Amino acid sequence: MKNIISALVENRAGVLSRIAGLFARRGFNIKSLAVGETEDASISRMTIVLEGDEWSAEQMCKQLNKQIDVIKVKQLDSDNSTRRELALIKVKADPKIRSEIIDIAAIMKSSIVDLSPAALTVEICDRPERVDLLVSMLEPYTILEMARTGMVALSRGEI
């Protein structure tokens, strides 16, 4: 089960390292990690995705709350949050099959961002499950390279 943790932290050197170390010391593998400034440049939002049960995620939230640079920690529910991930996927595309890949990209509401005689690069920014779907649809065409960001997420509603 994927657990999504959103943490507001002080935007200072070493905070990311200390938070990642906290997870490593407790034997948790971070599946995805995205960090960036918020509307306040002195605060960053960390979106951390963990595999595991609910109890483990709750324990990590408690541990995060004890850290001096952590302002607020919230466990996000997939159903009550807006989640996005960006992926760039370079696919082998000789001229005979190029139109098929372009059609798949269009259906998935993704973009072709680079074109060469032998490959296409597809960009998608969508929910993680839609990114996974596009990847599975492009696998038969031979994925040459892929880069995915970590998930970013916000809870729905006002707070």
N, C-alpha and C. Protein backbone atom coordinates (compact mmCIF):
# COMPACT_ATOMS: atom_id res chain seq x y z
N MET A 1 0.84 -1.18 0.00
CA MET A 1 0.00 0.00 0.00
C MET A 1 0.89 1.25 0.00
N LYS A 2 0.54 2.22 -0.85
CA LYS A 2 1.28 3.46 -0.90
C LYS A 2 0.74 4.43 0.15
N ASN A 3 1.65 5.00 0.90
CA ASN A 3 1.31 6.01 1.89
C ASN A 3 1.95 7.32 1.47
N ILE A 4 1.17 8.40 1.45
CA ILE A 4 1.66 9.71 1.03
C ILE A 4 1.76 10.59 2.26
N ILE A 5 2.96 11.11 2.50
CA ILE A 5 3.19 12.01 3.63
C ILE A 5 3.62 13.36 3.07
N SER A 6 2.95 14.40 3.52
CA SER A 6 3.29 15.77 3.13
C SER A 6 3.84 16.47 4.36
N ALA A 7 5.04 17.04 4.24
CA ALA A 7 5.67 17.71 5.38
C ALA A 7 6.12 19.10 4.96
N LEU A 8 5.75 20.09 5.76
CA LEU A 8 6.28 21.43 5.58
C LEU A 8 7.51 21.54 6.46
N VAL A 9 8.62 21.96 5.86
CA VAL A 9 9.90 22.02 6.58
C VAL A 9 10.56 23.36 6.34
N GLU A 10 11.47 23.71 7.26
CA GLU A 10 12.27 24.92 7.07
C GLU A 10 13.13 24.74 5.82
N ASN A 11 13.23 25.77 5.01
CA ASN A 11 14.01 25.71 3.78
C ASN A 11 15.46 26.06 4.12
N ARG A 12 16.18 25.07 4.67
CA ARG A 12 17.58 25.26 5.08
C ARG A 12 18.42 24.08 4.61
N ALA A 13 19.71 24.33 4.50
CA ALA A 13 20.65 23.28 4.10
C ALA A 13 20.63 22.14 5.12
N GLY A 14 20.66 20.92 4.62
CA GLY A 14 20.75 19.73 5.47
C GLY A 14 19.44 19.12 5.90
N VAL A 15 18.33 19.83 5.70
CA VAL A 15 17.03 19.31 6.16
C VAL A 15 16.67 18.04 5.39
N LEU A 16 16.81 18.08 4.08
CA LEU A 16 16.49 16.91 3.26
C LEU A 16 17.31 15.70 3.69
N SER A 17 18.59 15.91 3.92
CA SER A 17 19.48 14.83 4.33
C SER A 17 19.05 14.23 5.68
N ARG A 18 18.71 15.09 6.62
CA ARG A 18 18.28 14.60 7.94
C ARG A 18 16.98 13.82 7.85
N ILE A 19 16.03 14.30 7.05
CA ILE A 19 14.74 13.61 6.91
C ILE A 19 14.94 12.25 6.22
N ALA A 20 15.71 12.23 5.15
CA ALA A 20 15.97 10.97 4.44
C ALA A 20 16.70 9.99 5.36
N GLY A 21 17.63 10.50 6.15
CA GLY A 21 18.35 9.65 7.11
C GLY A 21 17.44 9.06 8.16
N LEU A 22 16.44 9.83 8.58
CA LEU A 22 15.46 9.35 9.57
C LEU A 22 14.74 8.11 9.03
N PHE A 23 14.33 8.17 7.77
CA PHE A 23 13.65 7.02 7.16
C PHE A 23 14.60 5.84 7.02
N ALA A 24 15.83 6.10 6.59
CA ALA A 24 16.81 5.03 6.39
C ALA A 24 17.14 4.33 7.71
N ARG A 25 17.31 5.11 8.78
CA ARG A 25 17.64 4.51 10.08
C ARG A 25 16.55 3.59 10.58
N ARG A 26 15.33 3.85 10.19
CA ARG A 26 14.21 3.02 10.63
C ARG A 26 13.85 1.94 9.62
N GLY A 27 14.67 1.81 8.57
CA GLY A 27 14.49 0.72 7.61
C GLY A 27 13.39 0.93 6.59
N PHE A 28 12.98 2.17 6.37
CA PHE A 28 11.95 2.45 5.38
C PHE A 28 12.58 2.85 4.06
N ASN A 29 12.06 2.29 2.98
CA ASN A 29 12.50 2.67 1.65
C ASN A 29 11.54 3.73 1.12
N ILE A 30 12.08 4.87 0.75
CA ILE A 30 11.27 5.93 0.18
C ILE A 30 11.04 5.60 -1.29
N LYS A 31 9.79 5.40 -1.67
CA LYS A 31 9.46 5.07 -3.06
C LYS A 31 9.56 6.30 -3.95
N SER A 32 9.19 7.46 -3.41
CA SER A 32 9.21 8.70 -4.17
C SER A 32 9.40 9.85 -3.20
N LEU A 33 10.17 10.85 -3.64
CA LEU A 33 10.43 12.03 -2.81
C LEU A 33 10.52 13.24 -3.70
N ALA A 34 9.69 14.24 -3.42
CA ALA A 34 9.73 15.50 -4.16
C ALA A 34 9.78 16.64 -3.15
N VAL A 35 10.66 17.60 -3.39
CA VAL A 35 10.84 18.72 -2.47
C VAL A 35 10.90 20.01 -3.27
N GLY A 36 10.22 21.02 -2.80
CA GLY A 36 10.28 22.32 -3.46
C GLY A 36 9.73 23.40 -2.56
N GLU A 37 10.09 24.64 -2.89
CA GLU A 37 9.61 25.78 -2.12
C GLU A 37 8.10 25.90 -2.22
N THR A 38 7.51 26.47 -1.19
CA THR A 38 6.08 26.76 -1.17
C THR A 38 5.88 28.21 -1.56
N GLU A 39 4.69 28.73 -1.29
CA GLU A 39 4.42 30.14 -1.55
C GLU A 39 5.27 31.05 -0.68
N ASP A 40 5.81 30.50 0.42
CA ASP A 40 6.74 31.20 1.31
C ASP A 40 8.14 30.61 1.06
N ALA A 41 9.06 31.43 0.58
CA ALA A 41 10.40 30.95 0.20
C ALA A 41 11.19 30.36 1.37
N SER A 42 10.79 30.62 2.59
CA SER A 42 11.51 30.08 3.75
C SER A 42 11.01 28.68 4.14
N ILE A 43 9.99 28.20 3.44
CA ILE A 43 9.38 26.90 3.75
C ILE A 43 9.36 26.04 2.49
N SER A 44 9.71 24.76 2.63
CA SER A 44 9.62 23.80 1.54
C SER A 44 8.59 22.74 1.89
N ARG A 45 7.98 22.18 0.86
CA ARG A 45 7.06 21.05 1.04
C ARG A 45 7.75 19.80 0.55
N MET A 46 7.76 18.78 1.39
CA MET A 46 8.29 17.47 1.02
C MET A 46 7.09 16.54 0.84
N THR A 47 7.03 15.88 -0.30
CA THR A 47 6.01 14.86 -0.52
C THR A 47 6.75 13.54 -0.59
N ILE A 48 6.46 12.67 0.37
CA ILE A 48 7.17 11.40 0.53
C ILE A 48 6.18 10.26 0.32
N VAL A 49 6.51 9.34 -0.56
CA VAL A 49 5.66 8.17 -0.79
C VAL A 49 6.40 6.94 -0.27
N LEU A 50 5.73 6.20 0.60
CA LEU A 50 6.28 4.98 1.21
C LEU A 50 5.41 3.79 0.87
N GLU A 51 6.04 2.64 0.71
CA GLU A 51 5.30 1.39 0.63
C GLU A 51 5.21 0.85 2.06
N GLY A 52 4.06 0.34 2.42
CA GLY A 52 3.93 -0.24 3.75
C GLY A 52 2.52 -0.10 4.30
N ASP A 53 2.37 -0.52 5.53
CA ASP A 53 1.05 -0.47 6.14
C ASP A 53 0.79 0.90 6.78
N GLU A 54 -0.45 1.10 7.16
CA GLU A 54 -0.90 2.36 7.76
C GLU A 54 -0.17 2.66 9.07
N TRP A 55 0.06 1.64 9.88
CA TRP A 55 0.71 1.82 11.17
C TRP A 55 2.13 2.37 10.98
N SER A 56 2.86 1.83 10.03
CA SER A 56 4.22 2.29 9.76
C SER A 56 4.24 3.76 9.34
N ALA A 57 3.30 4.13 8.48
CA ALA A 57 3.23 5.52 8.03
C ALA A 57 2.91 6.45 9.20
N GLU A 58 2.01 6.03 10.07
CA GLU A 58 1.68 6.84 11.25
C GLU A 58 2.90 7.01 12.15
N GLN A 59 3.68 5.96 12.32
CA GLN A 59 4.89 6.04 13.14
C GLN A 59 5.89 7.01 12.53
N MET A 60 6.04 6.98 11.20
CA MET A 60 6.96 7.91 10.55
C MET A 60 6.48 9.35 10.68
N CYS A 61 5.18 9.57 10.61
CA CYS A 61 4.64 10.92 10.82
C CYS A 61 4.97 11.42 12.22
N LYS A 62 4.85 10.54 13.21
CA LYS A 62 5.19 10.92 14.59
C LYS A 62 6.67 11.25 14.71
N GLN A 63 7.51 10.46 14.06
CA GLN A 63 8.96 10.71 14.10
C GLN A 63 9.30 12.03 13.40
N LEU A 64 8.64 12.30 12.28
CA LEU A 64 8.87 13.55 11.56
C LEU A 64 8.49 14.76 12.41
N ASN A 65 7.36 14.64 13.10
CA ASN A 65 6.90 15.75 13.95
C ASN A 65 7.89 16.10 15.05
N LYS A 66 8.74 15.16 15.44
CA LYS A 66 9.73 15.42 16.48
C LYS A 66 10.95 16.19 15.98
N GLN A 67 11.11 16.26 14.66
CA GLN A 67 12.29 16.91 14.08
C GLN A 67 12.18 18.43 14.21
N ILE A 68 13.29 19.07 14.52
CA ILE A 68 13.30 20.51 14.79
C ILE A 68 12.95 21.35 13.56
N ASP A 69 13.35 20.92 12.36
CA ASP A 69 13.10 21.70 11.15
C ASP A 69 11.73 21.44 10.53
N VAL A 70 10.96 20.53 11.10
CA VAL A 70 9.66 20.18 10.55
C VAL A 70 8.58 21.07 11.17
N ILE A 71 7.80 21.71 10.32
CA ILE A 71 6.75 22.62 10.77
C ILE A 71 5.42 21.89 10.93
N LYS A 72 5.04 21.10 9.91
CA LYS A 72 3.75 20.41 9.92
C LYS A 72 3.85 19.14 9.09
N VAL A 73 3.22 18.07 9.55
CA VAL A 73 3.20 16.80 8.84
C VAL A 73 1.75 16.37 8.68
N LYS A 74 1.43 15.89 7.48
CA LYS A 74 0.07 15.42 7.21
C LYS A 74 0.15 14.18 6.36
N GLN A 75 -0.62 13.16 6.73
CA GLN A 75 -0.72 11.97 5.91
C GLN A 75 -1.89 12.20 4.95
N LEU A 76 -1.63 12.06 3.65
CA LEU A 76 -2.65 12.33 2.64
C LEU A 76 -3.31 11.04 2.17
N ASP A 77 -4.59 11.14 1.95
CA ASP A 77 -5.39 10.03 1.43
C ASP A 77 -5.45 10.20 -0.09
N SER A 78 -5.24 9.14 -0.83
CA SER A 78 -5.25 9.21 -2.30
C SER A 78 -6.57 9.76 -2.84
N ASP A 79 -7.67 9.46 -2.16
CA ASP A 79 -8.98 9.90 -2.63
C ASP A 79 -9.25 11.38 -2.34
N ASN A 80 -8.62 11.92 -1.31
CA ASN A 80 -8.87 13.30 -0.91
C ASN A 80 -7.67 14.20 -1.14
N SER A 81 -6.90 13.90 -2.17
CA SER A 81 -5.75 14.74 -2.48
C SER A 81 -5.59 14.83 -4.00
N THR A 82 -4.96 15.90 -4.41
CA THR A 82 -4.61 16.08 -5.81
C THR A 82 -3.17 15.65 -5.96
N ARG A 83 -2.91 14.67 -6.82
CA ARG A 83 -1.57 14.11 -6.97
C ARG A 83 -1.13 14.22 -8.42
N ARG A 84 0.14 14.57 -8.63
CA ARG A 84 0.67 14.65 -9.98
C ARG A 84 2.11 14.16 -10.01
N GLU A 85 2.49 13.66 -11.17
CA GLU A 85 3.85 13.21 -11.40
C GLU A 85 4.20 13.55 -12.85
N LEU A 86 5.44 13.91 -13.08
CA LEU A 86 5.92 14.23 -14.43
C LEU A 86 6.84 13.10 -14.89
N ALA A 87 6.71 12.73 -16.15
CA ALA A 87 7.60 11.71 -16.73
C ALA A 87 8.00 12.11 -18.13
N LEU A 88 9.26 11.85 -18.45
CA LEU A 88 9.77 11.95 -19.81
C LEU A 88 10.15 10.54 -20.24
N ILE A 89 9.61 10.10 -21.36
CA ILE A 89 9.81 8.72 -21.81
C ILE A 89 10.33 8.75 -23.24
N LYS A 90 11.55 8.28 -23.45
CA LYS A 90 12.12 8.21 -24.79
C LYS A 90 11.85 6.82 -25.35
N VAL A 91 11.18 6.78 -26.50
CA VAL A 91 10.73 5.53 -27.09
C VAL A 91 11.37 5.36 -28.47
N LYS A 92 11.82 4.14 -28.73
CA LYS A 92 12.34 3.82 -30.06
C LYS A 92 11.19 3.96 -31.06
N ALA A 93 11.42 4.75 -32.12
CA ALA A 93 10.31 5.03 -33.03
C ALA A 93 10.81 5.19 -34.46
N ASP A 94 10.90 4.07 -35.16
CA ASP A 94 11.25 4.20 -36.57
C ASP A 94 10.03 4.74 -37.32
N PRO A 95 10.21 5.26 -38.52
CA PRO A 95 9.11 5.92 -39.23
C PRO A 95 7.85 5.08 -39.41
N LYS A 96 7.96 3.76 -39.46
CA LYS A 96 6.79 2.90 -39.68
C LYS A 96 5.82 2.92 -38.50
N ILE A 97 6.34 3.04 -37.28
CA ILE A 97 5.47 2.97 -36.11
C ILE A 97 5.31 4.30 -35.38
N ARG A 98 5.96 5.32 -35.89
CA ARG A 98 5.92 6.63 -35.23
C ARG A 98 4.49 7.13 -35.02
N SER A 99 3.63 6.97 -36.01
CA SER A 99 2.26 7.47 -35.90
C SER A 99 1.48 6.75 -34.79
N GLU A 100 1.77 5.47 -34.55
CA GLU A 100 1.11 4.74 -33.48
C GLU A 100 1.46 5.35 -32.11
N ILE A 101 2.73 5.67 -31.94
CA ILE A 101 3.18 6.26 -30.67
C ILE A 101 2.58 7.66 -30.49
N ILE A 102 2.52 8.42 -31.58
CA ILE A 102 1.91 9.76 -31.51
C ILE A 102 0.43 9.65 -31.14
N ASP A 103 -0.27 8.64 -31.68
CA ASP A 103 -1.68 8.43 -31.34
C ASP A 103 -1.85 8.08 -29.86
N ILE A 104 -0.99 7.22 -29.34
CA ILE A 104 -1.05 6.85 -27.92
C ILE A 104 -0.83 8.10 -27.07
N ALA A 105 0.17 8.90 -27.43
CA ALA A 105 0.45 10.14 -26.67
C ALA A 105 -0.76 11.06 -26.68
N ALA A 106 -1.41 11.19 -27.83
CA ALA A 106 -2.58 12.07 -27.92
C ALA A 106 -3.74 11.56 -27.06
N ILE A 107 -3.99 10.26 -27.11
CA ILE A 107 -5.07 9.66 -26.31
C ILE A 107 -4.81 9.88 -24.82
N MET A 108 -3.54 9.78 -24.41
CA MET A 108 -3.18 9.92 -23.00
C MET A 108 -3.00 11.40 -22.58
N LYS A 109 -3.27 12.32 -23.50
CA LYS A 109 -3.13 13.76 -23.25
C LYS A 109 -1.71 14.11 -22.81
N SER A 110 -0.76 13.48 -23.49
CA SER A 110 0.65 13.78 -23.26
C SER A 110 1.20 14.46 -24.50
N SER A 111 2.44 14.91 -24.43
CA SER A 111 3.03 15.67 -25.54
C SER A 111 4.30 15.01 -26.05
N ILE A 112 4.54 15.19 -27.34
CA ILE A 112 5.82 14.80 -27.93
C ILE A 112 6.73 16.02 -27.78
N VAL A 113 7.82 15.88 -27.02
CA VAL A 113 8.68 17.04 -26.74
C VAL A 113 10.03 16.97 -27.45
N ASP A 114 10.34 15.82 -28.06
CA ASP A 114 11.57 15.70 -28.82
C ASP A 114 11.38 14.62 -29.87
N LEU A 115 11.99 14.87 -31.02
CA LEU A 115 11.86 13.95 -32.14
C LEU A 115 13.22 13.82 -32.81
N SER A 116 13.62 12.59 -33.05
CA SER A 116 14.84 12.32 -33.80
C SER A 116 14.51 11.22 -34.82
N PRO A 117 15.41 10.92 -35.73
CA PRO A 117 15.11 9.88 -36.72
C PRO A 117 14.80 8.51 -36.11
N ALA A 118 15.31 8.24 -34.93
CA ALA A 118 15.13 6.91 -34.35
C ALA A 118 14.30 6.88 -33.07
N ALA A 119 13.91 8.06 -32.53
CA ALA A 119 13.22 8.05 -31.24
C ALA A 119 12.29 9.24 -31.09
N LEU A 120 11.30 9.07 -30.19
CA LEU A 120 10.39 10.14 -29.78
C LEU A 120 10.51 10.26 -28.26
N THR A 121 10.40 11.47 -27.74
CA THR A 121 10.33 11.64 -26.29
C THR A 121 8.94 12.17 -25.95
N VAL A 122 8.26 11.45 -25.08
CA VAL A 122 6.90 11.78 -24.67
C VAL A 122 6.95 12.36 -23.26
N GLU A 123 6.21 13.44 -23.05
CA GLU A 123 6.10 14.07 -21.73
C GLU A 123 4.67 13.91 -21.24
N ILE A 124 4.53 13.50 -19.98
CA ILE A 124 3.21 13.42 -19.37
C ILE A 124 3.29 13.99 -17.96
N CYS A 125 2.28 14.76 -17.61
CA CYS A 125 2.12 15.25 -16.25
C CYS A 125 0.70 14.92 -15.85
N ASP A 126 0.56 13.94 -14.97
CA ASP A 126 -0.77 13.43 -14.64
C ASP A 126 -0.70 12.66 -13.32
N ARG A 127 -1.82 12.05 -12.96
CA ARG A 127 -1.85 11.20 -11.77
C ARG A 127 -0.89 10.03 -11.96
N PRO A 128 -0.25 9.56 -10.90
CA PRO A 128 0.73 8.48 -11.03
C PRO A 128 0.19 7.24 -11.75
N GLU A 129 -1.05 6.89 -11.54
CA GLU A 129 -1.61 5.70 -12.20
C GLU A 129 -1.75 5.92 -13.70
N ARG A 130 -1.99 7.15 -14.14
CA ARG A 130 -2.04 7.45 -15.58
C ARG A 130 -0.64 7.41 -16.19
N VAL A 131 0.36 7.86 -15.43
CA VAL A 131 1.74 7.76 -15.90
C VAL A 131 2.11 6.29 -16.07
N ASP A 132 1.74 5.46 -15.07
CA ASP A 132 2.00 4.02 -15.17
C ASP A 132 1.33 3.41 -16.40
N LEU A 133 0.10 3.85 -16.68
CA LEU A 133 -0.64 3.34 -17.84
C LEU A 133 0.08 3.70 -19.14
N LEU A 134 0.53 4.95 -19.26
CA LEU A 134 1.25 5.34 -20.47
C LEU A 134 2.53 4.52 -20.62
N VAL A 135 3.26 4.33 -19.54
CA VAL A 135 4.49 3.53 -19.59
C VAL A 135 4.17 2.12 -20.09
N SER A 136 3.12 1.51 -19.56
CA SER A 136 2.77 0.14 -19.99
C SER A 136 2.35 0.11 -21.46
N MET A 137 1.72 1.18 -21.94
CA MET A 137 1.31 1.23 -23.35
C MET A 137 2.51 1.43 -24.29
N LEU A 138 3.56 2.08 -23.78
CA LEU A 138 4.73 2.34 -24.62
C LEU A 138 5.78 1.23 -24.54
N GLU A 139 5.72 0.37 -23.54
CA GLU A 139 6.71 -0.70 -23.39
C GLU A 139 6.86 -1.58 -24.63
N PRO A 140 5.79 -1.95 -25.33
CA PRO A 140 5.97 -2.79 -26.53
C PRO A 140 6.80 -2.13 -27.64
N TYR A 141 6.92 -0.81 -27.60
CA TYR A 141 7.68 -0.09 -28.62
C TYR A 141 9.15 0.09 -28.24
N THR A 142 9.56 -0.38 -27.11
CA THR A 142 10.92 -0.30 -26.55
C THR A 142 11.21 1.09 -25.99
N ILE A 143 11.14 1.16 -24.68
CA ILE A 143 11.50 2.39 -23.97
C ILE A 143 13.02 2.42 -23.87
N LEU A 144 13.62 3.48 -24.40
CA LEU A 144 15.07 3.63 -24.39
C LEU A 144 15.56 4.26 -23.10
N GLU A 145 14.84 5.27 -22.63
CA GLU A 145 15.18 5.96 -21.39
C GLU A 145 13.89 6.50 -20.78
N MET A 146 13.93 6.66 -19.45
CA MET A 146 12.78 7.24 -18.77
C MET A 146 13.25 7.99 -17.54
N ALA A 147 12.64 9.14 -17.29
CA ALA A 147 12.89 9.91 -16.06
C ALA A 147 11.53 10.29 -15.49
N ARG A 148 11.34 9.98 -14.20
CA ARG A 148 10.09 10.33 -13.52
C ARG A 148 10.42 11.16 -12.29
N THR A 149 9.60 12.17 -12.08
CA THR A 149 9.75 12.94 -10.85
C THR A 149 9.08 12.17 -9.72
N GLY A 150 9.28 12.61 -8.53
CA GLY A 150 8.50 12.07 -7.43
C GLY A 150 7.11 12.68 -7.48
N MET A 151 6.20 12.07 -6.78
CA MET A 151 4.84 12.57 -6.71
C MET A 151 4.80 13.88 -5.92
N VAL A 152 4.01 14.83 -6.39
CA VAL A 152 3.69 16.01 -5.61
C VAL A 152 2.20 15.92 -5.31
N ALA A 153 1.81 16.34 -4.12
CA ALA A 153 0.41 16.19 -3.73
C ALA A 153 0.00 17.29 -2.76
N LEU A 154 -1.26 17.67 -2.84
CA LEU A 154 -1.88 18.60 -1.89
C LEU A 154 -3.23 18.03 -1.51
N SER A 155 -3.64 18.27 -0.28
CA SER A 155 -4.97 17.83 0.12
C SER A 155 -6.01 18.69 -0.58
N ARG A 156 -7.17 18.12 -0.82
CA ARG A 156 -8.24 18.85 -1.49
C ARG A 156 -8.93 19.76 -0.49
N GLY A 157 -9.56 20.79 -1.00
CA GLY A 157 -10.31 21.69 -0.15
C GLY A 157 -9.46 22.83 0.39
N GLU A 158 -10.01 23.53 1.36
CA GLU A 158 -9.36 24.71 1.89
C GLU A 158 -8.14 24.42 2.74
N ILE A 159 -8.21 23.43 3.59
CA ILE A 159 -7.08 23.15 4.49
C ILE A 159 -6.63 21.74 4.36
